[in-house]
C-alpha atoms as a PDB file:
ATOM      1  CA  UNK A   1     -12.476  -7.798  -5.091  1.00  0.00           C
ATOM      2  CA  UNK A   2     -10.801 -10.363  -2.833  1.00  0.00           C
ATOM      3  CA  UNK A   3      -9.475 -13.744  -3.943  1.00  0.00           C
ATOM      4  CA  UNK A   4      -7.994 -16.456  -1.745  1.00  0.00           C
ATOM      5  CA  UNK A   5      -4.591 -17.464  -3.107  1.00  0.00           C
ATOM      6  CA  UNK A   6      -1.654 -19.709  -2.239  1.00  0.00           C
ATOM      7  CA  UNK A   7       2.023 -19.404  -3.104  1.00  0.00           C
ATOM      8  CA  UNK A   8       5.299 -21.116  -2.100  1.00  0.00           C
ATOM      9  CA  UNK A   9       7.950 -19.859   0.299  1.00  0.00           C
ATOM     10  CA  UNK A  10      10.990 -21.927   1.307  1.00  0.00           C
ATOM     11  CA  UNK A  11       9.185 -25.205   0.716  1.00  0.00           C
ATOM     12  CA  UNK A  12       6.006 -24.155   2.537  1.00  0.00           C
ATOM     13  CA  UNK A  13       2.680 -23.096   1.066  1.00  0.00           C
ATOM     14  CA  UNK A  14       1.495 -19.686   2.241  1.00  0.00           C
ATOM     15  CA  UNK A  15      -2.109 -18.482   2.228  1.00  0.00           C
ATOM     16  CA  UNK A  16      -2.989 -15.000   1.098  1.00  0.00           C
ATOM     17  CA  UNK A  17      -5.814 -12.681   0.160  1.00  0.00           C
ATOM     18  CA  UNK A  18      -5.329 -10.937  -3.161  1.00  0.00           C
ATOM     19  CA  UNK A  19      -7.226  -7.653  -3.551  1.00  0.00           C
ATOM     20  CA  UNK A  20      -7.873  -6.317  -7.039  1.00  0.00           C
ATOM     21  CA  UNK A  21      -9.287  -2.831  -7.712  1.00  0.00           C
ATOM     22  CA  UNK A  22     -12.992  -2.931  -8.536  1.00  0.00           C
ATOM     23  CA  UNK A  23     -12.376  -0.939 -11.714  1.00  0.00           C
ATOM     24  CA  UNK A  24      -9.848  -3.430 -13.057  1.00  0.00           C
ATOM     25  CA  UNK A  25     -11.341  -4.178 -16.463  1.00  0.00           C
ATOM     26  CA  UNK A  26      -8.783  -2.895 -18.940  1.00  0.00           C
ATOM     27  CA  UNK A  27      -6.328  -5.785 -18.702  1.00  0.00           C
ATOM     28  CA  UNK A  28      -3.407  -3.420 -18.137  1.00  0.00           C
ATOM     29  CA  UNK A  29      -0.748  -4.276 -15.586  1.00  0.00           C
ATOM     30  CA  UNK A  30      -1.169  -2.367 -12.336  1.00  0.00           C
ATOM     31  CA  UNK A  31       1.240  -1.429  -9.534  1.00  0.00           C
ATOM     32  CA  UNK A  32       1.071  -3.849  -6.599  1.00  0.00           C
ATOM     33  CA  UNK A  33       1.797  -3.824  -2.869  1.00  0.00           C
ATOM     34  CA  UNK A  34       2.737  -6.645  -0.491  1.00  0.00           C
ATOM     35  CA  UNK A  35       1.214  -6.058   2.966  1.00  0.00           C
ATOM     36  CA  UNK A  36       2.826  -7.932   5.867  1.00  0.00           C
ATOM     37  CA  UNK A  37       1.103  -8.457   9.241  1.00  0.00           C
ATOM     38  CA  UNK A  38       2.290  -7.821  12.828  1.00  0.00           C
ATOM     39  CA  UNK A  39       3.779 -10.333  15.269  1.00  0.00           C
ATOM     40  CA  UNK A  40       0.873 -12.475  16.440  1.00  0.00           C
ATOM     41  CA  UNK A  41      -1.420 -11.252  13.700  1.00  0.00           C
ATOM     42  CA  UNK A  42      -2.947 -12.742  10.564  1.00  0.00           C
ATOM     43  CA  UNK A  43      -4.032 -11.457   7.164  1.00  0.00           C
ATOM     44  CA  UNK A  44      -7.664 -10.968   8.242  1.00  0.00           C
ATOM     45  CA  UNK A  45      -6.751  -8.227  10.707  1.00  0.00           C
ATOM     46  CA  UNK A  46      -4.919  -4.925  10.154  1.00  0.00           C
ATOM     47  CA  UNK A  47      -2.900  -6.193   7.163  1.00  0.00           C
ATOM     48  CA  UNK A  48      -6.125  -7.064   5.365  1.00  0.00           C
ATOM     49  CA  UNK A  49      -7.664  -3.712   6.253  1.00  0.00           C
ATOM     50  CA  UNK A  50      -4.762  -1.788   4.714  1.00  0.00           C
ATOM     51  CA  UNK A  51      -4.629  -4.127   1.705  1.00  0.00           C
ATOM     52  CA  UNK A  52      -8.334  -3.590   1.033  1.00  0.00           C
ATOM     53  CA  UNK A  53      -8.127   0.199   1.423  1.00  0.00           C
ATOM     54  CA  UNK A  54      -5.111   0.423  -0.891  1.00  0.00           C
ATOM     55  CA  UNK A  55      -6.880  -1.737  -3.466  1.00  0.00           C
ATOM     56  CA  UNK A  56      -9.675   0.837  -3.431  1.00  0.00           C
ATOM     57  CA  UNK A  57      -7.000   3.387  -4.328  1.00  0.00           C
ATOM     58  CA  UNK A  58      -6.124   1.435  -7.474  1.00  0.00           C
ATOM     59  CA  UNK A  59      -3.389  -1.003  -6.419  1.00  0.00           C
ATOM     60  CA  UNK A  60      -3.318  -4.772  -6.600  1.00  0.00           C
ATOM     61  CA  UNK A  61      -2.519  -5.800  -3.014  1.00  0.00           C
ATOM     62  CA  UNK A  62      -1.594  -9.015  -1.244  1.00  0.00           C
ATOM     63  CA  UNK A  63      -2.049  -9.647   2.488  1.00  0.00           C
ATOM     64  CA  UNK A  64      -0.766 -13.053   3.542  1.00  0.00           C
ATOM     65  CA  UNK A  65      -0.179 -15.249   6.561  1.00  0.00           C
ATOM     66  CA  UNK A  66       3.496 -15.696   7.361  1.00  0.00           C
ATOM     67  CA  UNK A  67       5.049 -19.140   7.623  1.00  0.00           C
ATOM     68  CA  UNK A  68       3.876 -20.981  10.770  1.00  0.00           C
ATOM     69  CA  UNK A  69       0.964 -18.553  11.164  1.00  0.00           C
ATOM     70  CA  UNK A  70      -2.719 -18.476  10.261  1.00  0.00           C
ATOM     71  CA  UNK A  71      -3.675 -20.617   7.271  1.00  0.00           C
ATOM     72  CA  UNK A  72      -0.091 -20.940   6.028  1.00  0.00           C
ATOM     73  CA  UNK A  73       1.986 -24.090   6.471  1.00  0.00           C
ATOM     74  CA  UNK A  74       4.839 -24.571   8.924  1.00  0.00           C
ATOM     75  CA  UNK A  75       5.590 -26.500  12.092  1.00  0.00           C
ATOM     76  CA  UNK A  76       5.765 -25.861  14.950  1.00  0.00           C
ATOM     77  CA  UNK A  77       2.755 -23.595  14.824  1.00  0.00           C
ATOM     78  CA  UNK A  78       3.336 -19.979  15.887  1.00  0.00           C
ATOM     79  CA  UNK A  79       7.114 -20.043  15.427  1.00  0.00           C
ATOM     80  CA  UNK A  80       8.332 -16.464  14.928  1.00  0.00           C
ATOM     81  CA  UNK A  81      11.433 -16.573  12.723  1.00  0.00           C
ATOM     82  CA  UNK A  82      12.447 -13.095  11.478  1.00  0.00           C
ATOM     83  CA  UNK A  83      14.563 -14.528   8.684  1.00  0.00           C
ATOM     84  CA  UNK A  84      11.688 -16.704   7.450  1.00  0.00           C
ATOM     85  CA  UNK A  85       9.402 -13.659   7.677  1.00  0.00           C
ATOM     86  CA  UNK A  86      11.760 -11.724   5.395  1.00  0.00           C
ATOM     87  CA  UNK A  87      11.898 -14.648   2.963  1.00  0.00           C
ATOM     88  CA  UNK A  88       8.090 -14.783   2.959  1.00  0.00           C
ATOM     89  CA  UNK A  89       8.030 -11.132   1.862  1.00  0.00           C
ATOM     90  CA  UNK A  90      10.401 -11.921  -0.998  1.00  0.00           C
ATOM     91  CA  UNK A  91       8.207 -14.892  -1.944  1.00  0.00           C
ATOM     92  CA  UNK A  92       5.124 -12.650  -1.929  1.00  0.00           C
ATOM     93  CA  UNK A  93       6.910 -10.289  -4.328  1.00  0.00           C
ATOM     94  CA  UNK A  94       7.720 -13.246  -6.573  1.00  0.00           C
ATOM     95  CA  UNK A  95       4.090 -14.342  -6.551  1.00  0.00           C
ATOM     96  CA  UNK A  96       2.822 -10.878  -7.466  1.00  0.00           C
ATOM     97  CA  UNK A  97       5.395 -10.630 -10.250  1.00  0.00           C
ATOM     98  CA  UNK A  98       3.876 -13.715 -11.919  1.00  0.00           C
ATOM     99  CA  UNK A  99       0.345 -12.304 -12.097  1.00  0.00           C
ATOM    100  CA  UNK A 100      -0.923 -10.982 -15.436  1.00  0.00           C
ATOM    101  CA  UNK A 101      -2.573  -7.970 -13.764  1.00  0.00           C
ATOM    102  CA  UNK A 102       0.658  -6.855 -12.034  1.00  0.00           C
ATOM    103  CA  UNK A 103       3.567  -4.883 -13.466  1.00  0.00           C
ATOM    104  CA  UNK A 104       6.600  -6.672 -11.944  1.00  0.00           C
ATOM    105  CA  UNK A 105       8.606  -3.443 -12.132  1.00  0.00           C
ATOM    106  CA  UNK A 106       6.075  -1.588  -9.944  1.00  0.00           C
ATOM    107  CA  UNK A 107       5.862  -3.595  -6.721  1.00  0.00           C
ATOM    108  CA  UNK A 108       6.032  -1.970  -3.290  1.00  0.00           C
ATOM    109  CA  UNK A 109       5.767  -3.319   0.242  1.00  0.00           C
ATOM    110  CA  UNK A 110       4.101  -2.209   3.466  1.00  0.00           C
ATOM    111  CA  UNK A 111       4.920  -3.614   6.903  1.00  0.00           C
ATOM    112  CA  UNK A 112       2.926  -3.065  10.097  1.00  0.00           C
ATOM    113  CA  UNK A 113       4.405  -3.319  13.625  1.00  0.00           C
ATOM    114  CA  UNK A 114       7.038  -6.101  13.603  1.00  0.00           C
ATOM    115  CA  UNK A 115       6.641  -6.248   9.822  1.00  0.00           C
ATOM    116  CA  UNK A 116       7.592  -2.579   9.895  1.00  0.00           C
ATOM    117  CA  UNK A 117      10.966  -4.117  10.644  1.00  0.00           C
ATOM    118  CA  UNK A 118      10.682  -7.187   8.434  1.00  0.00           C
ATOM    119  CA  UNK A 119       9.739  -5.263   5.274  1.00  0.00           C
ATOM    120  CA  UNK A 120      12.666  -2.779   5.414  1.00  0.00           C
ATOM    121  CA  UNK A 121      14.980  -5.676   6.347  1.00  0.00           C
ATOM    122  CA  UNK A 122      13.907  -7.648   3.274  1.00  0.00           C
ATOM    123  CA  UNK A 123      14.007  -4.564   1.054  1.00  0.00           C
ATOM    124  CA  UNK A 124      17.624  -3.831   1.972  1.00  0.00           C
ATOM    125  CA  UNK A 125      18.680  -6.575  -0.457  1.00  0.00           C
ATOM    126  CA  UNK A 126      15.446  -7.114  -2.416  1.00  0.00           C
ATOM    127  CA  UNK A 127      15.630  -4.649  -5.296  1.00  0.00           C
ATOM    128  CA  UNK A 128      12.337  -5.825  -6.760  1.00  0.00           C
ATOM    129  CA  UNK A 129      10.654  -3.848  -3.956  1.00  0.00           C
ATOM    130  CA  UNK A 130      10.590  -0.385  -5.523  1.00  0.00           C
ATOM    131  CA  UNK A 131       9.001   1.541  -2.637  1.00  0.00           C
ATOM    132  CA  UNK A 132       9.024   0.728   1.099  1.00  0.00           C
ATOM    133  CA  UNK A 133       6.514   1.845   3.737  1.00  0.00           C
ATOM    134  CA  UNK A 134       5.795   1.062   7.370  1.00  0.00           C
ATOM    135  CA  UNK A 135       3.023   1.745   9.879  1.00  0.00           C
ATOM    136  CA  UNK A 136       3.787   1.642  13.640  1.00  0.00           C
ATOM    137  CA  UNK A 137       7.177   0.086  12.928  1.00  0.00           C
ATOM    138  CA  UNK A 138       8.992  -1.951  15.575  1.00  0.00           C
ATOM    139  CA  UNK A 139      12.250  -3.895  15.627  1.00  0.00           C
ATOM    140  CA  UNK A 140      11.288  -7.160  17.307  1.00  0.00           C
ATOM    141  CA  UNK A 141      14.934  -8.089  17.827  1.00  0.00           C
ATOM    142  CA  UNK A 142      15.586  -4.912  19.811  1.00  0.00           C
ATOM    143  CA  UNK A 143      12.348  -5.390  21.761  1.00  0.00           C
ATOM    144  CA  UNK A 144      13.504  -8.788  22.971  1.00  0.00           C
ATOM    145  CA  UNK A 145      17.118  -7.775  23.595  1.00  0.00           C
ATOM    146  CA  UNK A 146      16.479  -4.398  25.213  1.00  0.00           C
ATOM    147  CA  UNK A 147      12.824  -4.297  26.261  1.00  0.00           C
ATOM    148  CA  UNK A 148      10.314  -1.659  25.183  1.00  0.00           C
ATOM    149  CA  UNK A 149      12.099   1.684  25.379  1.00  0.00           C
ATOM    150  CA  UNK A 150      15.445   0.073  26.173  1.00  0.00           C
ATOM    151  CA  UNK A 151      17.244  -0.438  29.464  1.00  0.00           C
ATOM    152  CA  UNK A 152      16.384  -4.109  29.966  1.00  0.00           C
ATOM    153  CA  UNK A 153      19.095  -6.163  31.654  1.00  0.00           C
ATOM    154  CA  UNK A 154      20.992  -8.444  29.292  1.00  0.00           C
ATOM    155  CA  UNK A 155      20.452 -11.191  31.863  1.00  0.00           C
ATOM    156  CA  UNK A 156      16.798 -11.389  30.816  1.00  0.00           C
ATOM    157  CA  UNK A 157      17.504 -12.294  27.208  1.00  0.00           C
ATOM    158  CA  UNK A 158      20.300 -14.634  28.307  1.00  0.00           C
ATOM    159  CA  UNK A 159      17.815 -16.464  30.505  1.00  0.00           C
ATOM    160  CA  UNK A 160      15.349 -16.681  27.635  1.00  0.00           C
ATOM    161  CA  UNK A 161      18.074 -18.138  25.431  1.00  0.00           C
ATOM    162  CA  UNK A 162      18.805 -20.798  28.051  1.00  0.00           C
ATOM    163  CA  UNK A 163      15.106 -21.706  28.016  1.00  0.00           C
ATOM    164  CA  UNK A 164      15.119 -21.786  24.203  1.00  0.00           C
ATOM    165  CA  UNK A 165      17.882 -24.374  24.219  1.00  0.00           C
ATOM    166  CA  UNK A 166      16.030 -26.482  26.773  1.00  0.00           C
ATOM    167  CA  UNK A 167      12.862 -26.212  24.672  1.00  0.00           C
ATOM    168  CA  UNK A 168      14.690 -27.473  21.590  1.00  0.00           C
ATOM    169  CA  UNK A 169      15.868 -30.505  23.551  1.00  0.00           C
ATOM    170  CA  UNK A 170      12.320 -31.163  24.722  1.00  0.00           C
ATOM    171  CA  UNK A 171      10.953 -31.006  21.180  1.00  0.00           C
ATOM    172  CA  UNK A 172      13.629 -33.444  20.043  1.00  0.00           C
ATOM    173  CA  UNK A 173      12.318 -35.818  22.731  1.00  0.00           C
ATOM    174  CA  UNK A 174       8.793 -35.547  21.331  1.00  0.00           C
ATOM    175  CA  UNK A 175       7.359 -32.990  23.751  1.00  0.00           C
ATOM    176  CA  UNK A 176       5.046 -30.175  22.666  1.00  0.00           C
ATOM    177  CA  UNK A 177       6.722 -26.826  21.925  1.00  0.00           C
ATOM    178  CA  UNK A 178       6.733 -24.343  24.785  1.00  0.00           C
ATOM    179  CA  UNK A 179       4.437 -21.391  24.086  1.00  0.00           C
ATOM    180  CA  UNK A 180       3.894 -17.931  25.538  1.00  0.00           C
ATOM    181  CA  UNK A 181       1.209 -15.284  25.081  1.00  0.00           C
ATOM    182  CA  UNK A 182       1.886 -12.472  22.621  1.00  0.00           C
ATOM    183  CA  UNK A 183      -0.240  -9.981  24.593  1.00  0.00           C
ATOM    184  CA  UNK A 184      -1.994 -10.250  27.971  1.00  0.00           C
ATOM    185  CA  UNK A 185      -4.989 -12.542  27.660  1.00  0.00           C
ATOM    186  CA  UNK A 186      -7.395 -10.631  29.903  1.00  0.00           C
ATOM    187  CA  UNK A 187      -7.993  -7.049  30.983  1.00  0.00           C
ATOM    188  CA  UNK A 188      -6.845  -7.973  34.482  1.00  0.00           C
ATOM    189  CA  UNK A 189      -3.632  -9.479  33.113  1.00  0.00           C
ATOM    190  CA  UNK A 190      -2.978  -6.249  31.184  1.00  0.00           C
ATOM    191  CA  UNK A 191      -2.986  -4.000  34.253  1.00  0.00           C
ATOM    192  CA  UNK A 192       0.394  -2.389  34.738  1.00  0.00           C
ATOM    193  CA  UNK A 193       1.631  -3.306  31.248  1.00  0.00           C
ATOM    194  CA  UNK A 194       2.910  -0.615  28.845  1.00  0.00           C
ATOM    195  CA  UNK A 195       0.307   0.881  26.520  1.00  0.00           C
ATOM    196  CA  UNK A 196       1.541  -1.204  23.587  1.00  0.00           C
ATOM    197  CA  UNK A 197       0.656  -4.499  25.275  1.00  0.00           C
ATOM    198  CA  UNK A 198      -2.496  -3.329  27.052  1.00  0.00           C
ATOM    199  CA  UNK A 199      -3.907  -1.941  23.812  1.00  0.00           C
ATOM    200  CA  UNK A 200      -2.687  -5.049  22.012  1.00  0.00           C
ATOM    201  CA  UNK A 201      -4.936  -7.112  24.278  1.00  0.00           C
ATOM    202  CA  UNK A 202      -7.868  -4.831  23.476  1.00  0.00           C
ATOM    203  CA  UNK A 203      -7.223  -5.338  19.767  1.00  0.00           C
ATOM    204  CA  UNK A 204      -6.377  -9.040  19.571  1.00  0.00           C
ATOM    205  CA  UNK A 205      -8.442 -10.508  22.421  1.00  0.00           C
ATOM    206  CA  UNK A 206     -11.791  -8.747  22.002  1.00  0.00           C
ATOM    207  CA  UNK A 207     -14.405  -8.612  19.215  1.00  0.00           C
ATOM    208  CA  UNK A 208     -12.583  -5.542  17.897  1.00  0.00           C
ATOM    209  CA  UNK A 209     -10.210  -7.779  15.884  1.00  0.00           C
ATOM    210  CA  UNK A 210     -10.159 -11.227  17.490  1.00  0.00           C
ATOM    211  CA  UNK A 211      -9.766 -14.016  14.919  1.00  0.00           C
ATOM    212  CA  UNK A 212      -9.585 -17.795  15.408  1.00  0.00           C
ATOM    213  CA  UNK A 213      -6.372 -17.969  13.354  1.00  0.00           C
ATOM    214  CA  UNK A 214      -4.691 -15.523  15.739  1.00  0.00           C
ATOM    215  CA  UNK A 215      -4.885 -17.345  19.105  1.00  0.00           C
ATOM    216  CA  UNK A 216      -2.279 -15.218  20.937  1.00  0.00           C
ATOM    217  CA  UNK A 217       0.617 -17.687  21.063  1.00  0.00           C
ATOM    218  CA  UNK A 218       4.250 -17.683  20.035  1.00  0.00           C
ATOM    219  CA  UNK A 219       6.775 -20.517  20.375  1.00  0.00           C
ATOM    220  CA  UNK A 220       9.248 -19.679  23.142  1.00  0.00           C
ATOM    221  CA  UNK A 221      12.324 -20.981  21.366  1.00  0.00           C
ATOM    222  CA  UNK A 222      11.780 -18.379  18.632  1.00  0.00           C
ATOM    223  CA  UNK A 223      13.855 -16.106  20.832  1.00  0.00           C
ATOM    224  CA  UNK A 224      17.146 -17.652  19.739  1.00  0.00           C
ATOM    225  CA  UNK A 225      16.403 -16.398  16.208  1.00  0.00           C
ATOM    226  CA  UNK A 226      14.711 -13.158  17.227  1.00  0.00           C
ATOM    227  CA  UNK A 227      17.614 -12.086  19.461  1.00  0.00           C
ATOM    228  CA  UNK A 228      20.085 -12.247  16.547  1.00  0.00           C
ATOM    229  CA  UNK A 229      17.894 -10.176  14.266  1.00  0.00           C
ATOM    230  CA  UNK A 230      18.130  -6.404  13.745  1.00  0.00           C
ATOM    231  CA  UNK A 231      15.732  -4.612  11.417  1.00  0.00           C
ATOM    232  CA  UNK A 232      17.548  -1.444  10.490  1.00  0.00           C
ATOM    233  CA  UNK A 233      21.318  -1.971  10.605  1.00  0.00           C
ATOM    234  CA  UNK A 234      21.567  -1.850   6.792  1.00  0.00           C
ATOM    235  CA  UNK A 235      18.530   0.322   6.117  1.00  0.00           C
ATOM    236  CA  UNK A 236      20.711   2.740   4.126  1.00  0.00           C
ATOM    237  CA  UNK A 237      20.778   0.081   1.384  1.00  0.00           C
ATOM    238  CA  UNK A 238      17.129   0.827   0.565  1.00  0.00           C
ATOM    239  CA  UNK A 239      18.254   4.123  -1.008  1.00  0.00           C
ATOM    240  CA  UNK A 240      17.818   5.361  -3.715  1.00  0.00           C
ATOM    241  CA  UNK A 241      14.431   3.665  -3.481  1.00  0.00           C
ATOM    242  CA  UNK A 242      12.004   5.684  -1.304  1.00  0.00           C
ATOM    243  CA  UNK A 243      11.161   4.937   2.326  1.00  0.00           C
ATOM    244  CA  UNK A 244       8.048   6.187   4.161  1.00  0.00           C
ATOM    245  CA  UNK A 245       7.504   5.480   7.854  1.00  0.00           C
ATOM    246  CA  UNK A 246       4.181   6.380   9.497  1.00  0.00           C
ATOM    247  CA  UNK A 247       3.824   6.563  13.279  1.00  0.00           C
ATOM    248  CA  UNK A 248       1.390   7.924  15.847  1.00  0.00           C
ATOM    249  CA  UNK A 249       2.611  10.775  18.018  1.00  0.00           C
ATOM    250  CA  UNK A 250       1.383   8.965  21.145  1.00  0.00           C
ATOM    251  CA  UNK A 251       2.888   5.557  20.339  1.00  0.00           C
ATOM    252  CA  UNK A 252       5.407   4.082  22.759  1.00  0.00           C
ATOM    253  CA  UNK A 253       7.281   2.689  19.751  1.00  0.00           C
ATOM    254  CA  UNK A 254       7.971   5.990  17.966  1.00  0.00           C
ATOM    255  CA  UNK A 255      11.683   5.736  18.731  1.00  0.00           C
ATOM    256  CA  UNK A 256      11.998   2.844  16.281  1.00  0.00           C
ATOM    257  CA  UNK A 257      10.777   4.969  13.381  1.00  0.00           C
ATOM    258  CA  UNK A 258      12.907   7.933  14.468  1.00  0.00           C
ATOM    259  CA  UNK A 259      16.073   5.827  14.689  1.00  0.00           C
ATOM    260  CA  UNK A 260      15.394   4.048  11.401  1.00  0.00           C
ATOM    261  CA  UNK A 261      14.800   7.299   9.536  1.00  0.00           C
ATOM    262  CA  UNK A 262      17.999   8.757  11.008  1.00  0.00           C
ATOM    263  CA  UNK A 263      19.986   5.782   9.680  1.00  0.00           C
ATOM    264  CA  UNK A 264      18.257   5.697   6.285  1.00  0.00           C
ATOM    265  CA  UNK A 265      19.371   7.711   3.278  1.00  0.00           C
ATOM    266  CA  UNK A 266      17.258   9.876   1.005  1.00  0.00           C
ATOM    267  CA  UNK A 267      14.571   9.754  -0.221  1.00  0.00           C
ATOM    268  CA  UNK A 268      12.953   9.172   3.167  1.00  0.00           C
ATOM    269  CA  UNK A 269      10.086  10.568   5.225  1.00  0.00           C
ATOM    270  CA  UNK A 270       8.711  10.124   8.728  1.00  0.00           C
ATOM    271  CA  UNK A 271       5.016  11.021   8.703  1.00  0.00           C
ATOM    272  CA  UNK A 272       3.203  11.615  11.991  1.00  0.00           C
ATOM    273  CA  UNK A 273      -0.444  10.863  12.759  1.00  0.00           C
ATOM    274  CA  UNK A 274      -1.331  13.318  15.510  1.00  0.00           C
ATOM    275  CA  UNK A 275      -2.803  11.771  18.678  1.00  0.00           C
ATOM    276  CA  UNK A 276      -2.539   8.129  17.567  1.00  0.00           C
ATOM    277  CA  UNK A 277      -0.979   5.322  19.584  1.00  0.00           C
ATOM    278  CA  UNK A 278       0.771   2.298  18.082  1.00  0.00           C
ATOM    279  CA  UNK A 279      -2.379   0.140  18.034  1.00  0.00           C
ATOM    280  CA  UNK A 280      -4.682   3.015  16.999  1.00  0.00           C
ATOM    281  CA  UNK A 281      -3.141   2.841  13.543  1.00  0.00           C
ATOM    282  CA  UNK A 282      -4.264  -0.772  13.180  1.00  0.00           C
ATOM    283  CA  UNK A 283      -7.938   0.048  12.702  1.00  0.00           C
ATOM    284  CA  UNK A 284      -9.221   3.236  14.343  1.00  0.00           C
ATOM    285  CA  UNK A 285     -11.427   5.297  12.032  1.00  0.00           C
ATOM    286  CA  UNK A 286      -9.997   8.521  13.472  1.00  0.00           C
ATOM    287  CA  UNK A 287      -6.498   7.679  12.223  1.00  0.00           C
ATOM    288  CA  UNK A 288      -6.412   4.986   9.530  1.00  0.00           C
ATOM    289  CA  UNK A 289      -7.825   7.181   6.708  1.00  0.00           C
ATOM    290  CA  UNK A 290      -4.959   9.657   7.114  1.00  0.00           C
ATOM    291  CA  UNK A 291      -2.433   6.835   7.004  1.00  0.00           C
ATOM    292  CA  UNK A 292      -4.058   5.254   3.937  1.00  0.00           C
ATOM    293  CA  UNK A 293      -4.215   8.598   2.121  1.00  0.00           C
ATOM    294  CA  UNK A 294      -0.508   9.153   2.766  1.00  0.00           C
ATOM    295  CA  UNK A 295       0.367   5.604   1.690  1.00  0.00           C
ATOM    296  CA  UNK A 296      -1.734   5.796  -1.470  1.00  0.00           C
ATOM    297  CA  UNK A 297      -0.058   9.037  -2.507  1.00  0.00           C
ATOM    298  CA  UNK A 298       3.396   7.651  -1.728  1.00  0.00           C
ATOM    299  CA  UNK A 299       2.912   4.457  -3.713  1.00  0.00           C
ATOM    300  CA  UNK A 300       1.143   6.265  -6.573  1.00  0.00           C
ATOM    301  CA  UNK A 301       4.121   8.593  -6.934  1.00  0.00           C
ATOM    302  CA  UNK A 302       6.870   6.024  -6.620  1.00  0.00           C
ATOM    303  CA  UNK A 303       5.235   3.122  -8.445  1.00  0.00           C
ATOM    304  CA  UNK A 304       3.960   5.311 -11.270  1.00  0.00           C
ATOM    305  CA  UNK A 305       6.790   4.182 -13.535  1.00  0.00           C
ATOM    306  CA  UNK A 306       9.938   2.090 -13.304  1.00  0.00           C
ATOM    307  CA  UNK A 307      12.830   3.819 -15.073  1.00  0.00           C
ATOM    308  CA  UNK A 308      15.330   1.520 -16.743  1.00  0.00           C
ATOM    309  CA  UNK A 309      17.747   0.203 -14.150  1.00  0.00           C
ATOM    310  CA  UNK A 310      15.625   1.444 -11.250  1.00  0.00           C
ATOM    311  CA  UNK A 311      17.001   0.151  -7.964  1.00  0.00           C
ATOM    312  CA  UNK A 312      20.143  -1.309  -9.508  1.00  0.00           C
ATOM    313  CA  UNK A 313      22.294   1.549  -8.261  1.00  0.00           C
ATOM    314  CA  UNK A 314      21.597   0.728  -4.614  1.00  0.00           C
ATOM    315  CA  UNK A 315      24.169  -1.091  -2.543  1.00  0.00           C
END
């Protein structure tokens, strides 16, 4: 059962889809999960798919459009601000906590791709998130600073920061924000790109998942906020709350999950989906059921009850 909802975040109104289990008739408060979408994505794509599947497993779930994205408010459109994204996750938790069908002491969060960085980042200091999970996690700050896999010259990000400053000046003079494509727009454009971006084009720019609210743009000056952001530096603060990270064995982003799990403290788990790439875990029938089964079991175990003082010991 899906309901269109709206809730506030830092003075903006965000749009979400609230999924309620079909068997919800008893009026009892249920555990709930915030589901946060990838960079360039919207709630109708992979975030909505996972939210719907987890609702089938008995959870109240919320997939929402981040600030500046999709049906949510925010100007300029398609700004990617990691710190706003983390605040949006906190705001989504607040919204769920107000609902009569949700137990506010049993709220978890799931982040996909860039939100696999944003959700752990928010959870480091957000103790209302009682269980943290990611699928195909990526640290967008590291991607911009170091390039996919690392080794990118620092001169590249310095040049992008120069352009960001120039873009801010242009906007102040009334010009339109500079924009860039999130993934290659055409199959020809994607030739020679790493698997992550080539498969991203196949997902976002074809009938497979194309959506009018996800037009494949990001505002170039976002980089001066992205470059300062790091997803996992304080990931140890999630403990003693549980952390689950799910990744495909063939993904070119697996190193993010490996590094994050190494830095995290117990309880933690890195769960592999054999044969899957980063984008496969967005929607492929061969792989998503295994991820959903693992997530449902994880959240069922760790949101089953909230002991007194749960999460207060962290930090």
